Amino acid sequence: QVQLVESGGGLVQPGGSLRLSCAASGLTFSRYAMNWHRQPPGKGRELVAAITRAGDSSIYADSVKGRFTISRDNADNTVYLQMNNLKPEDTAVYFCQAVNGKDNYWGQGTQVTVSS
């Protein structure tokens, strides 16, 4: 079955960096666009970044532009989210999502906490 497993979350001080990974299995990874979403405490889920199947184009939420970078390795079935200059408002559970038309899969999420 399809599995998306996020890792790399944790506690970091403001201004710090984290790199999230999402390892995919059970699907043809290169056929799926990949997204990172986040859900802050008590709030709804929001799209943070998205990358095309080939990795040749990406988009970002305004709140993370210039600080976060999404990338993917189709040979390794993994998508990454490099997060720099983290702020307390980046605190959330981060989820990866694989999308191909009507096919839509989610990981279980990884917690990112930005606090001094």
C-alpha atoms as a PDB file:
ATOM      1  CA  GLN A   1       0.000   0.000   0.000  1.00  0.00           C
ATOM      2  CA  VAL A   2       1.003   3.629  -0.357  1.00  0.00           C
ATOM      3  CA  GLN A   3       2.974   5.082   2.527  1.00  0.00           C
ATOM      4  CA  LEU A   4       4.303   8.576   3.064  1.00  0.00           C
ATOM      5  CA  VAL A   5       6.543   8.899   6.111  1.00  0.00           C
ATOM      6  CA  GLU A   6       7.670  12.313   7.300  1.00  0.00           C
ATOM      7  CA  SER A   7      10.714  12.861   9.476  1.00  0.00           C
ATOM      8  CA  GLY A   8      13.017  15.643  10.605  1.00  0.00           C
ATOM      9  CA  GLY A   9      10.714  17.606  12.858  1.00  0.00           C
ATOM     10  CA  GLY A  10      11.624  18.749  16.336  1.00  0.00           C
ATOM     11  CA  LEU A  11      12.217  21.685  18.634  1.00  0.00           C
ATOM     12  CA  VAL A  12      14.297  24.560  17.290  1.00  0.00           C
ATOM     13  CA  GLN A  13      15.022  28.105  18.439  1.00  0.00           C
ATOM     14  CA  PRO A  14      13.819  31.098  16.439  1.00  0.00           C
ATOM     15  CA  GLY A  15      16.207  31.748  13.569  1.00  0.00           C
ATOM     16  CA  GLY A  16      17.179  28.108  13.367  1.00  0.00           C
ATOM     17  CA  SER A  17      16.792  25.601  10.573  1.00  0.00           C
ATOM     18  CA  LEU A  18      15.262  22.185  10.037  1.00  0.00           C
ATOM     19  CA  ARG A  19      15.063  19.873   7.045  1.00  0.00           C
ATOM     20  CA  LEU A  20      11.962  17.749   6.734  1.00  0.00           C
ATOM     21  CA  SER A  21      11.916  14.588   4.648  1.00  0.00           C
ATOM     22  CA  CYS A  22       8.996  12.595   3.281  1.00  0.00           C
ATOM     23  CA  ALA A  23       9.807   9.105   2.055  1.00  0.00           C
ATOM     24  CA  ALA A  24       7.257   7.567  -0.294  1.00  0.00           C
ATOM     25  CA  SER A  25       6.632   3.913  -1.067  1.00  0.00           C
ATOM     26  CA  GLY A  26       3.960   1.914  -2.848  1.00  0.00           C
ATOM     27  CA  LEU A  27       3.536   4.396  -5.699  1.00  0.00           C
ATOM     28  CA  THR A  28       5.378   5.587  -8.802  1.00  0.00           C
ATOM     29  CA  PHE A  29       6.805   8.636  -7.111  1.00  0.00           C
ATOM     30  CA  SER A  30       7.775  10.515 -10.268  1.00  0.00           C
ATOM     31  CA  ARG A  31       4.133  10.558 -11.401  1.00  0.00           C
ATOM     32  CA  TYR A  32       3.009  12.548  -8.376  1.00  0.00           C
ATOM     33  CA  ALA A  33       3.222  16.225  -7.619  1.00  0.00           C
ATOM     34  CA  MET A  34       4.236  16.653  -3.995  1.00  0.00           C
ATOM     35  CA  ASN A  35       2.996  19.167  -1.475  1.00  0.00           C
ATOM     36  CA  TRP A  36       3.900  20.170   2.059  1.00  0.00           C
ATOM     37  CA  HIS A  37       1.078  21.395   4.271  1.00  0.00           C
ATOM     38  CA  ARG A  38       1.052  22.448   7.901  1.00  0.00           C
ATOM     39  CA  GLN A  39      -1.507  22.706  10.645  1.00  0.00           C
ATOM     40  CA  PRO A  40      -0.735  25.140  13.474  1.00  0.00           C
ATOM     41  CA  PRO A  41      -2.264  24.464  16.897  1.00  0.00           C
ATOM     42  CA  GLY A  42      -5.989  25.207  16.858  1.00  0.00           C
ATOM     43  CA  LYS A  43      -5.993  26.201  13.202  1.00  0.00           C
ATOM     44  CA  GLY A  44      -6.770  24.665   9.846  1.00  0.00           C
ATOM     45  CA  ARG A  45      -4.352  22.975   7.481  1.00  0.00           C
ATOM     46  CA  GLU A  46      -2.592  25.226   4.961  1.00  0.00           C
ATOM     47  CA  LEU A  47      -0.468  24.622   1.894  1.00  0.00           C
ATOM     48  CA  VAL A  48       3.157  25.596   2.490  1.00  0.00           C
ATOM     49  CA  ALA A  49       4.920  24.519  -0.702  1.00  0.00           C
ATOM     50  CA  ALA A  50       4.365  22.425  -3.796  1.00  0.00           C
ATOM     51  CA  ILE A  51       6.646  20.925  -6.430  1.00  0.00           C
ATOM     52  CA  THR A  52       5.940  19.456  -9.836  1.00  0.00           C
ATOM     53  CA  ARG A  53       6.535  15.818 -10.752  1.00  0.00           C
ATOM     54  CA  ALA A  54       9.845  16.580 -12.427  1.00  0.00           C
ATOM     55  CA  GLY A  55      10.888  19.039  -9.748  1.00  0.00           C
ATOM     56  CA  ASP A  56      11.250  21.837 -12.274  1.00  0.00           C
ATOM     57  CA  SER A  57       8.771  24.222 -10.709  1.00  0.00           C
ATOM     58  CA  SER A  58       7.607  25.062  -7.210  1.00  0.00           C
ATOM     59  CA  ILE A  59       5.322  27.457  -5.392  1.00  0.00           C
ATOM     60  CA  TYR A  60       5.274  28.747  -1.832  1.00  0.00           C
ATOM     61  CA  ALA A  61       2.912  30.346   0.608  1.00  0.00           C
ATOM     62  CA  ASP A  62       3.692  34.030   1.044  1.00  0.00           C
ATOM     63  CA  SER A  63       4.472  33.438   4.719  1.00  0.00           C
ATOM     64  CA  VAL A  64       7.422  31.170   3.897  1.00  0.00           C
ATOM     65  CA  LYS A  65       8.793  32.629   0.643  1.00  0.00           C
ATOM     66  CA  GLY A  66      12.529  33.214   0.848  1.00  0.00           C
ATOM     67  CA  ARG A  67      12.861  30.987   3.939  1.00  0.00           C
ATOM     68  CA  PHE A  68      11.622  27.549   2.855  1.00  0.00           C
ATOM     69  CA  THR A  69      12.745  25.457  -0.116  1.00  0.00           C
ATOM     70  CA  ILE A  70      10.994  22.373  -1.432  1.00  0.00           C
ATOM     71  CA  SER A  71      12.947  19.805  -3.427  1.00  0.00           C
ATOM     72  CA  ARG A  72      12.638  16.189  -4.466  1.00  0.00           C
ATOM     73  CA  ASP A  73      14.772  13.215  -5.407  1.00  0.00           C
ATOM     74  CA  ASN A  74      12.823  10.960  -7.745  1.00  0.00           C
ATOM     75  CA  ALA A  75      15.555   8.337  -7.622  1.00  0.00           C
ATOM     76  CA  ASP A  76      15.133   8.114  -3.862  1.00  0.00           C
ATOM     77  CA  ASN A  77      11.327   8.626  -3.725  1.00  0.00           C
ATOM     78  CA  THR A  78      11.769  11.482  -1.277  1.00  0.00           C
ATOM     79  CA  VAL A  79      10.599  15.069  -1.031  1.00  0.00           C
ATOM     80  CA  TYR A  80      12.274  17.588   1.251  1.00  0.00           C
ATOM     81  CA  LEU A  81      11.412  20.858   2.894  1.00  0.00           C
ATOM     82  CA  GLN A  82      14.387  22.954   3.945  1.00  0.00           C
ATOM     83  CA  MET A  83      13.225  25.504   6.508  1.00  0.00           C
ATOM     84  CA  ASN A  84      15.512  28.382   7.425  1.00  0.00           C
ATOM     85  CA  ASN A  85      15.100  31.404   9.687  1.00  0.00           C
ATOM     86  CA  LEU A  86      12.288  29.673  11.512  1.00  0.00           C
ATOM     87  CA  LYS A  87       9.791  31.763  13.444  1.00  0.00           C
ATOM     88  CA  PRO A  88       7.459  30.869  16.324  1.00  0.00           C
ATOM     89  CA  GLU A  89       4.528  31.151  13.920  1.00  0.00           C
ATOM     90  CA  ASP A  90       5.994  28.250  11.909  1.00  0.00           C
ATOM     91  CA  THR A  91       5.097  25.955  14.797  1.00  0.00           C
ATOM     92  CA  ALA A  92       2.783  23.292  13.372  1.00  0.00           C
ATOM     93  CA  VAL A  93       2.403  19.689  12.373  1.00  0.00           C
ATOM     94  CA  TYR A  94       3.829  19.363   8.865  1.00  0.00           C
ATOM     95  CA  PHE A  95       2.318  16.898   6.402  1.00  0.00           C
ATOM     96  CA  CYS A  96       3.407  15.771   2.972  1.00  0.00           C
ATOM     97  CA  GLN A  97       0.886  14.954   0.267  1.00  0.00           C
ATOM     98  CA  ALA A  98       1.207  13.104  -3.040  1.00  0.00           C
ATOM     99  CA  VAL A  99      -1.219  14.152  -5.777  1.00  0.00           C
ATOM    100  CA  ASN A 100      -1.927  12.726  -9.211  1.00  0.00           C
ATOM    101  CA  GLY A 101      -5.348  13.657 -10.472  1.00  0.00           C
ATOM    102  CA  LYS A 102      -7.862  11.912  -8.249  1.00  0.00           C
ATOM    103  CA  ASP A 103      -5.150   9.991  -6.387  1.00  0.00           C
ATOM    104  CA  ASN A 104      -4.322  11.745  -3.158  1.00  0.00           C
ATOM    105  CA  TYR A 105      -2.209  10.429  -0.288  1.00  0.00           C
ATOM    106  CA  TRP A 106      -1.106  11.941   3.017  1.00  0.00           C
ATOM    107  CA  GLY A 107       1.596  11.232   5.531  1.00  0.00           C
ATOM    108  CA  GLN A 108       1.004  11.092   9.281  1.00  0.00           C
ATOM    109  CA  GLY A 109       2.764  14.384   9.977  1.00  0.00           C
ATOM    110  CA  THR A 110       5.799  15.545  11.911  1.00  0.00           C
ATOM    111  CA  GLN A 111       5.780  18.171  14.659  1.00  0.00           C
ATOM    112  CA  VAL A 112       7.848  21.327  14.293  1.00  0.00           C
ATOM    113  CA  THR A 113       8.076  23.585  17.330  1.00  0.00           C
ATOM    114  CA  VAL A 114       9.886  26.916  17.169  1.00  0.00           C
ATOM    115  CA  SER A 115      10.488  28.306  20.618  1.00  0.00           C
ATOM    116  CA  SER A 116      13.207  29.791  22.772  1.00  0.00           C
END
